[in-house]
C-alpha atoms as a PDB file:
ATOM      1  CA  MET A   1     -24.026  -3.492 -37.463  1.00  0.00           C
ATOM      2  CA  VAL A   2     -20.249  -4.075 -37.232  1.00  0.00           C
ATOM      3  CA  TYR A   3     -20.122  -7.300 -34.703  1.00  0.00           C
ATOM      4  CA  VAL A   4     -17.654  -6.448 -31.517  1.00  0.00           C
ATOM      5  CA  PRO A   5     -16.909 -10.065 -29.622  1.00  0.00           C
ATOM      6  CA  ASN A   6     -18.269 -10.329 -26.001  1.00  0.00           C
ATOM      7  CA  ALA A   7     -13.765 -10.474 -24.746  1.00  0.00           C
ATOM      8  CA  VAL A   8     -13.402  -7.372 -26.541  1.00  0.00           C
ATOM      9  CA  ARG A   9     -16.422  -5.607 -24.819  1.00  0.00           C
ATOM     10  CA  GLY A  10     -15.652  -6.814 -21.781  1.00  0.00           C
ATOM     11  CA  GLU A  11     -12.277  -5.564 -22.000  1.00  0.00           C
ATOM     12  CA  ALA A  12     -13.329  -1.896 -23.167  1.00  0.00           C
ATOM     13  CA  ALA A  13     -15.246  -1.725 -20.351  1.00  0.00           C
ATOM     14  CA  LEU A  14     -12.446  -3.131 -18.064  1.00  0.00           C
ATOM     15  CA  LEU A  15     -10.380  -0.064 -19.289  1.00  0.00           C
ATOM     16  CA  ALA A  16     -12.874   2.171 -19.189  1.00  0.00           C
ATOM     17  CA  LYS A  17     -13.753   1.239 -15.185  1.00  0.00           C
ATOM     18  CA  GLN A  18      -9.530   1.725 -14.927  1.00  0.00           C
ATOM     19  CA  SER A  19      -9.050   4.790 -16.423  1.00  0.00           C
ATOM     20  CA  LEU A  20     -11.941   6.253 -14.200  1.00  0.00           C
ATOM     21  CA  ALA A  21     -10.583   4.736 -11.300  1.00  0.00           C
ATOM     22  CA  THR A  22      -7.022   6.162 -12.331  1.00  0.00           C
ATOM     23  CA  LYS A  23      -8.836  10.003 -12.393  1.00  0.00           C
ATOM     24  CA  LEU A  24     -10.304   9.370  -9.083  1.00  0.00           C
ATOM     25  CA  ARG A  25      -6.982   8.254  -7.098  1.00  0.00           C
ATOM     26  CA  GLU A  26      -5.188  11.415  -8.413  1.00  0.00           C
ATOM     27  CA  GLU A  27      -7.968  13.215  -7.494  1.00  0.00           C
ATOM     28  CA  ILE A  28      -7.146  11.590  -3.815  1.00  0.00           C
ATOM     29  CA  ILE A  29      -3.612  12.135  -4.085  1.00  0.00           C
ATOM     30  CA  HIS A  30      -3.282  15.550  -4.979  1.00  0.00           C
ATOM     31  CA  GLY A  31      -5.519  16.219  -1.980  1.00  0.00           C
ATOM     32  CA  HIS A  32      -8.258  17.210  -4.287  1.00  0.00           C
ATOM     33  CA  LEU A  33     -11.211  14.392  -2.186  1.00  0.00           C
ATOM     34  CA  ILE A  34      -9.157  14.074   1.607  1.00  0.00           C
ATOM     35  CA  PRO A  35      -8.884  11.807   3.864  1.00  0.00           C
ATOM     36  CA  GLY A  36     -12.283  10.848   5.574  1.00  0.00           C
ATOM     37  CA  GLN A  37     -14.122  13.052   2.967  1.00  0.00           C
ATOM     38  CA  ARG A  38     -17.363  11.085   1.224  1.00  0.00           C
ATOM     39  CA  ILE A  39     -17.379   9.946  -2.430  1.00  0.00           C
ATOM     40  CA  VAL A  40     -20.455  11.172  -3.996  1.00  0.00           C
ATOM     41  CA  GLU A  41     -21.358   9.233  -6.763  1.00  0.00           C
ATOM     42  CA  GLY A  42     -23.535  11.283  -8.722  1.00  0.00           C
ATOM     43  CA  TYR A  43     -20.992  14.525  -8.508  1.00  0.00           C
ATOM     44  CA  TRP A  44     -18.184  12.348 -10.283  1.00  0.00           C
ATOM     45  CA  ALA A  45     -20.524  10.895 -12.717  1.00  0.00           C
ATOM     46  CA  ARG A  46     -21.066  14.232 -13.747  1.00  0.00           C
ATOM     47  CA  LYS A  47     -17.802  15.972 -13.706  1.00  0.00           C
ATOM     48  CA  PHE A  48     -16.561  12.764 -15.509  1.00  0.00           C
ATOM     49  CA  GLY A  49     -19.128  12.325 -17.875  1.00  0.00           C
ATOM     50  CA  VAL A  50     -20.121   8.816 -17.061  1.00  0.00           C
ATOM     51  CA  ALA A  51     -22.930   6.566 -15.702  1.00  0.00           C
ATOM     52  CA  GLN A  52     -23.259   6.570 -11.865  1.00  0.00           C
ATOM     53  CA  THR A  53     -22.669   2.502 -12.099  1.00  0.00           C
ATOM     54  CA  SER A  54     -19.173   3.441 -13.786  1.00  0.00           C
ATOM     55  CA  VAL A  55     -18.161   5.541 -10.508  1.00  0.00           C
ATOM     56  CA  ARG A  56     -19.139   2.816  -8.282  1.00  0.00           C
ATOM     57  CA  GLU A  57     -17.231   0.211 -10.198  1.00  0.00           C
ATOM     58  CA  ALA A  58     -14.237   2.540 -10.053  1.00  0.00           C
ATOM     59  CA  ILE A  59     -14.366   3.271  -6.605  1.00  0.00           C
ATOM     60  CA  ASN A  60     -14.728  -0.840  -5.595  1.00  0.00           C
ATOM     61  CA  ILE A  61     -11.044  -0.707  -7.714  1.00  0.00           C
ATOM     62  CA  LEU A  62     -10.086   2.237  -5.378  1.00  0.00           C
ATOM     63  CA  ILE A  63     -11.416  -0.124  -2.605  1.00  0.00           C
ATOM     64  CA  SER A  64      -8.846  -2.894  -3.248  1.00  0.00           C
ATOM     65  CA  GLU A  65      -6.090  -0.606  -3.664  1.00  0.00           C
ATOM     66  CA  GLY A  66      -6.559   0.638  -0.201  1.00  0.00           C
ATOM     67  CA  PHE A  67      -7.660   4.450  -1.224  1.00  0.00           C
ATOM     68  CA  VAL A  68     -10.840   4.615  -0.139  1.00  0.00           C
ATOM     69  CA  THR A  69     -12.805   2.331   2.452  1.00  0.00           C
ATOM     70  CA  LYS A  70     -16.593   1.787   2.591  1.00  0.00           C
ATOM     71  CA  ALA A  71     -18.495  -0.120   5.668  1.00  0.00           C
ATOM     72  CA  SER A  72     -21.625  -2.091   4.745  1.00  0.00           C
ATOM     73  CA  GLY A  73     -24.524   0.475   4.583  1.00  0.00           C
ATOM     74  CA  ARG A  74     -22.224   3.203   4.454  1.00  0.00           C
ATOM     75  CA  SER A  75     -20.920   5.618   1.535  1.00  0.00           C
ATOM     76  CA  ALA A  76     -17.513   5.327   0.547  1.00  0.00           C
ATOM     77  CA  ARG A  77     -14.687   7.395   1.747  1.00  0.00           C
ATOM     78  CA  VAL A  78     -11.061   8.325   1.488  1.00  0.00           C
ATOM     79  CA  THR A  79      -9.126   6.080   3.453  1.00  0.00           C
ATOM     80  CA  SER A  80      -8.375   8.146   6.555  1.00  0.00           C
ATOM     81  CA  TYR A  81      -6.901   7.527   9.990  1.00  0.00           C
ATOM     82  CA  THR A  82      -5.975   8.852  13.407  1.00  0.00           C
ATOM     83  CA  GLU A  83      -2.914   9.342  14.963  1.00  0.00           C
ATOM     84  CA  ALA A  84      -3.907   6.873  17.686  1.00  0.00           C
ATOM     85  CA  ASP A  85      -4.541   4.616  14.633  1.00  0.00           C
ATOM     86  CA  ILE A  86      -1.251   5.153  13.377  1.00  0.00           C
ATOM     87  CA  ALA A  87       0.448   3.972  16.443  1.00  0.00           C
ATOM     88  CA  GLN A  88      -1.749   1.204  16.949  1.00  0.00           C
ATOM     89  CA  ILE A  89      -0.852  -0.148  13.334  1.00  0.00           C
ATOM     90  CA  TYR A  90       2.567   0.140  14.296  1.00  0.00           C
ATOM     91  CA  GLU A  91       2.218  -1.924  17.773  1.00  0.00           C
ATOM     92  CA  LEU A  92       0.758  -4.416  15.181  1.00  0.00           C
ATOM     93  CA  ARG A  93       3.473  -4.715  12.536  1.00  0.00           C
ATOM     94  CA  VAL A  94       6.398  -4.592  15.085  1.00  0.00           C
ATOM     95  CA  ALA A  95       4.809  -8.086  16.316  1.00  0.00           C
ATOM     96  CA  LEU A  96       2.839  -9.295  13.471  1.00  0.00           C
ATOM     97  CA  GLU A  97       5.693  -8.663  10.945  1.00  0.00           C
ATOM     98  CA  GLY A  98       8.556  -9.514  13.538  1.00  0.00           C
ATOM     99  CA  LEU A  99       7.025 -13.385  13.638  1.00  0.00           C
ATOM    100  CA  ALA A 100       6.970 -13.394   9.751  1.00  0.00           C
ATOM    101  CA  ALA A 101      10.523 -12.910   9.970  1.00  0.00           C
ATOM    102  CA  ARG A 102      11.486 -14.859  12.011  1.00  0.00           C
ATOM    103  CA  LEU A 103       9.030 -17.538  10.546  1.00  0.00           C
ATOM    104  CA  ALA A 104      10.080 -16.706   6.989  1.00  0.00           C
ATOM    105  CA  ALA A 105      14.237 -17.219   8.066  1.00  0.00           C
ATOM    106  CA  GLN A 106      13.382 -20.740   9.910  1.00  0.00           C
ATOM    107  CA  ARG A 107      11.611 -21.960   7.103  1.00  0.00           C
ATOM    108  CA  HIS A 108      14.812 -21.096   4.468  1.00  0.00           C
ATOM    109  CA  ALA A 109      12.371 -19.290   2.227  1.00  0.00           C
ATOM    110  CA  ASP A 110      13.098 -19.056  -1.015  1.00  0.00           C
ATOM    111  CA  LEU A 111      13.899 -15.167  -0.697  1.00  0.00           C
ATOM    112  CA  ALA A 112      13.484 -14.489  -4.702  1.00  0.00           C
ATOM    113  CA  PRO A 113       9.934 -12.221  -4.384  1.00  0.00           C
ATOM    114  CA  LEU A 114      11.773 -10.128  -1.739  1.00  0.00           C
ATOM    115  CA  LYS A 115      14.854  -9.201  -3.588  1.00  0.00           C
ATOM    116  CA  ASP A 116      12.851  -8.621  -6.439  1.00  0.00           C
ATOM    117  CA  ALA A 117      11.133  -5.810  -4.733  1.00  0.00           C
ATOM    118  CA  LEU A 118      13.742  -4.583  -3.055  1.00  0.00           C
ATOM    119  CA  LYS A 119      15.706  -4.197  -6.495  1.00  0.00           C
ATOM    120  CA  GLU A 120      11.815  -1.965  -7.483  1.00  0.00           C
ATOM    121  CA  MET A 121      12.841  -0.072  -4.293  1.00  0.00           C
ATOM    122  CA  ARG A 122      16.371   0.639  -5.676  1.00  0.00           C
ATOM    123  CA  ARG A 123      15.223   0.885  -9.051  1.00  0.00           C
ATOM    124  CA  ALA A 124      12.877   3.608  -7.987  1.00  0.00           C
ATOM    125  CA  THR A 125      14.830   5.369  -5.647  1.00  0.00           C
ATOM    126  CA  ARG A 126      17.387   6.186  -8.229  1.00  0.00           C
ATOM    127  CA  GLN A 127      14.533   7.449  -9.996  1.00  0.00           C
ATOM    128  CA  GLY A 128      13.272   9.684  -7.855  1.00  0.00           C
ATOM    129  CA  GLN A 129       9.731   8.345  -7.757  1.00  0.00           C
ATOM    130  CA  ILE A 130       8.172   8.257  -4.561  1.00  0.00           C
ATOM    131  CA  ARG A 131       4.882   6.608  -5.388  1.00  0.00           C
ATOM    132  CA  LEU A 132       7.155   3.758  -7.090  1.00  0.00           C
ATOM    133  CA  LEU A 133       9.066   3.747  -3.859  1.00  0.00           C
ATOM    134  CA  ILE A 134       6.120   3.269  -1.432  1.00  0.00           C
ATOM    135  CA  GLU A 135       4.260   0.751  -3.692  1.00  0.00           C
ATOM    136  CA  ALA A 136       7.234  -1.340  -3.864  1.00  0.00           C
ATOM    137  CA  ASP A 137       7.962  -0.865  -0.127  1.00  0.00           C
ATOM    138  CA  LEU A 138       4.915  -2.808   0.453  1.00  0.00           C
ATOM    139  CA  ARG A 139       5.239  -5.427  -2.241  1.00  0.00           C
ATOM    140  CA  PHE A 140       8.144  -6.227   0.309  1.00  0.00           C
ATOM    141  CA  HIS A 141       6.378  -6.185   3.182  1.00  0.00           C
ATOM    142  CA  LEU A 142       3.415  -8.105   1.993  1.00  0.00           C
ATOM    143  CA  CYS A 143       6.002 -10.489   0.369  1.00  0.00           C
ATOM    144  CA  LEU A 144       8.051 -11.041   3.703  1.00  0.00           C
ATOM    145  CA  CYS A 145       4.532 -12.085   5.313  1.00  0.00           C
ATOM    146  CA  GLU A 146       3.244 -14.676   2.468  1.00  0.00           C
ATOM    147  CA  LEU A 147       7.401 -16.114   3.151  1.00  0.00           C
ATOM    148  CA  SER A 148       6.358 -16.667   6.806  1.00  0.00           C
ATOM    149  CA  GLY A 149       4.260 -19.799   5.552  1.00  0.00           C
ATOM    150  CA  ASN A 150       1.105 -18.504   7.664  1.00  0.00           C
ATOM    151  CA  HIS A 151      -1.642 -17.915   6.001  1.00  0.00           C
ATOM    152  CA  LEU A 152      -3.478 -16.208   8.364  1.00  0.00           C
ATOM    153  CA  LEU A 153      -0.882 -14.159   8.961  1.00  0.00           C
ATOM    154  CA  TYR A 154      -0.501 -12.981   5.542  1.00  0.00           C
ATOM    155  CA  THR A 155      -4.145 -12.417   5.136  1.00  0.00           C
ATOM    156  CA  GLN A 156      -4.477 -10.423   7.911  1.00  0.00           C
ATOM    157  CA  MET A 157      -1.596  -7.797   7.258  1.00  0.00           C
ATOM    158  CA  ARG A 158      -2.699  -7.550   3.541  1.00  0.00           C
ATOM    159  CA  THR A 159      -5.982  -6.171   5.133  1.00  0.00           C
ATOM    160  CA  LEU A 160      -3.843  -3.731   7.505  1.00  0.00           C
ATOM    161  CA  LEU A 161      -1.049  -3.060   4.897  1.00  0.00           C
ATOM    162  CA  VAL A 162      -2.553  -1.958   1.856  1.00  0.00           C
ATOM    163  CA  PRO A 163      -4.954   0.735   2.934  1.00  0.00           C
ATOM    164  CA  LEU A 164      -1.901   2.069   5.278  1.00  0.00           C
ATOM    165  CA  PHE A 165       0.470   2.481   2.375  1.00  0.00           C
ATOM    166  CA  ALA A 166      -2.336   3.953   0.380  1.00  0.00           C
ATOM    167  CA  PHE A 167      -2.433   6.481   2.983  1.00  0.00           C
ATOM    168  CA  VAL A 168       1.446   6.963   3.505  1.00  0.00           C
ATOM    169  CA  SER A 169       1.930   7.467   0.035  1.00  0.00           C
ATOM    170  CA  MET A 170      -1.228  10.392  -0.614  1.00  0.00           C
ATOM    171  CA  ARG A 171       0.413  12.015   2.649  1.00  0.00           C
ATOM    172  CA  ALA A 172       4.089  11.824   1.221  1.00  0.00           C
ATOM    173  CA  ILE A 173       3.280  13.119  -1.946  1.00  0.00           C
ATOM    174  CA  GLN A 174       0.859  16.444  -0.620  1.00  0.00           C
ATOM    175  CA  VAL A 175       3.496  17.137   1.585  1.00  0.00           C
ATOM    176  CA  ASN A 176       6.060  17.124  -1.419  1.00  0.00           C
ATOM    177  CA  GLN A 177       8.459  13.994   0.734  1.00  0.00           C
ATOM    178  CA  THR A 178      10.882  12.448  -1.891  1.00  0.00           C
ATOM    179  CA  VAL A 179      12.642   9.649  -1.986  1.00  0.00           C
ATOM    180  CA  LYS A 180      15.585  10.810  -0.243  1.00  0.00           C
ATOM    181  CA  ALA A 181      13.664  10.249   3.543  1.00  0.00           C
ATOM    182  CA  TRP A 182      13.621   7.162   2.569  1.00  0.00           C
ATOM    183  CA  GLU A 183      16.832   6.104   1.136  1.00  0.00           C
ATOM    184  CA  SER A 184      18.524   5.277   4.447  1.00  0.00           C
ATOM    185  CA  ASP A 185      16.038   2.744   4.840  1.00  0.00           C
ATOM    186  CA  LEU A 186      17.581   0.791   1.899  1.00  0.00           C
ATOM    187  CA  ASP A 187      19.960  -1.092   3.830  1.00  0.00           C
ATOM    188  CA  ARG A 188      17.752  -1.866   6.321  1.00  0.00           C
ATOM    189  CA  HIS A 189      15.292  -3.937   3.958  1.00  0.00           C
ATOM    190  CA  LYS A 190      18.632  -5.556   2.556  1.00  0.00           C
ATOM    191  CA  ARG A 191      19.979  -6.388   6.253  1.00  0.00           C
ATOM    192  CA  ILE A 192      16.845  -8.079   6.790  1.00  0.00           C
ATOM    193  CA  VAL A 193      16.544 -10.318   3.889  1.00  0.00           C
ATOM    194  CA  ASP A 194      20.617 -11.203   4.865  1.00  0.00           C
ATOM    195  CA  LEU A 195      19.617 -12.433   8.375  1.00  0.00           C
ATOM    196  CA  ILE A 196      16.445 -14.624   6.878  1.00  0.00           C
ATOM    197  CA  LEU A 197      18.833 -15.503   4.263  1.00  0.00           C
ATOM    198  CA  ASP A 198      21.351 -16.851   6.848  1.00  0.00           C
ATOM    199  CA  GLY A 199      19.045 -18.713   8.556  1.00  0.00           C
ATOM    200  CA  ASP A 200      18.872 -16.242  11.789  1.00  0.00           C
ATOM    201  CA  PRO A 201      15.569 -16.061  13.410  1.00  0.00           C
ATOM    202  CA  ASP A 202      16.489 -14.386  16.238  1.00  0.00           C
ATOM    203  CA  ALA A 203      18.236 -11.537  14.557  1.00  0.00           C
ATOM    204  CA  ALA A 204      16.060 -11.371  11.960  1.00  0.00           C
ATOM    205  CA  GLU A 205      13.002 -10.787  14.075  1.00  0.00           C
ATOM    206  CA  PHE A 206      14.504  -8.103  16.032  1.00  0.00           C
ATOM    207  CA  THR A 207      16.005  -6.424  13.131  1.00  0.00           C
ATOM    208  CA  MET A 208      12.400  -6.603  11.447  1.00  0.00           C
ATOM    209  CA  ARG A 209      11.015  -4.805  14.682  1.00  0.00           C
ATOM    210  CA  SER A 210      13.683  -2.095  14.894  1.00  0.00           C
ATOM    211  CA  THR A 211      12.991  -1.056  11.353  1.00  0.00           C
ATOM    212  CA  LEU A 212       9.445  -0.789  11.927  1.00  0.00           C
ATOM    213  CA  GLN A 213       9.751   1.309  14.988  1.00  0.00           C
ATOM    214  CA  ARG A 214      11.825   3.448  13.048  1.00  0.00           C
ATOM    215  CA  PHE A 215       8.948   3.439  10.203  1.00  0.00           C
ATOM    216  CA  ALA A 216       6.321   4.473  13.190  1.00  0.00           C
ATOM    217  CA  ALA A 217       8.347   7.152  13.776  1.00  0.00           C
ATOM    218  CA  ARG A 218       8.150   8.550  10.004  1.00  0.00           C
ATOM    219  CA  ALA A 219       5.094   7.858   9.796  1.00  0.00           C
ATOM    220  CA  HIS A 220       3.857  10.100  13.008  1.00  0.00           C
ATOM    221  CA  SER A 221       5.928  12.648  11.461  1.00  0.00           C
ATOM    222  CA  VAL A 222       4.160  12.516   8.042  1.00  0.00           C
ATOM    223  CA  TRP A 223       1.159  12.238   9.996  1.00  0.00           C
ATOM    224  CA  GLN A 224       1.762  15.119  11.922  1.00  0.00           C
ATOM    225  CA  GLU A 225       2.634  17.426   8.617  1.00  0.00           C
ATOM    226  CA  THR A 226      -0.424  16.858   6.900  1.00  0.00           C
ATOM    227  CA  ARG A 227      -2.805  17.533   9.973  1.00  0.00           C
END
C-alpha cells in the first residue's frame, strides 16, 4: 500500500470541493439554477457522481462567496433579491460607504489596496471580462470599508456586499451585459481615490454617495431586464 501523507490527502479533498463548487457556480451563473431555487443536494450528488456530503461542502463555499444563502434549519437556495431589496440595500450603501469614504479621508489611510483594486478593474475592462470586473469592483468597495478603520462598518458591509455582487454578476452574465456598461464608472472610482488621498472628507463622502446612487439605477435596470 502506498502511503499518502495527510497533508496531501487534505489538499486533494480541498481541490475536489473547490472543483465541485466551480461546477455549481457555473450552473447558477448561467441560469440553470435560478435565484431563489432550492439546491437539492441529492440531485447534484447524482448528477456529478459524488457523495452528498461533498455537495454540502461545495455549497458552503458558495455561501461564503455570496452565490447561495441558507437560513438556520432551511435548505440552501440561490441568492435572490426583490426590487424592494435592491432599493433598500442601496439606501444603506449610500449612507455607509459615504461614511467609509469620509473616515478614510480623515484617517489619511494607505490607499495601496484601493489603487490595486482599481488597477484590476481597468485590466478586466481592457480584457472585456465582466465577471473579473465585478469581482474587482467588489474588492474596491470592501477595501474602502476596511480603510475606514471602523471594524463594525466593514463587517456589516461585507455581509451586505458579497451576496449583492454575486447576484449582480449572475444577472449581468445572464443578460449578456458587457464591460461597456461599466467603463464610465472607472473615472468615478478614480475620483473617489483622489479625494480620499487629498484628505477631503466632505468631497469624498459626497462623491461616494452620488456614485452609489448612479450604481443603484444600473442595478435596478439589470434587475428589471431579468425579472
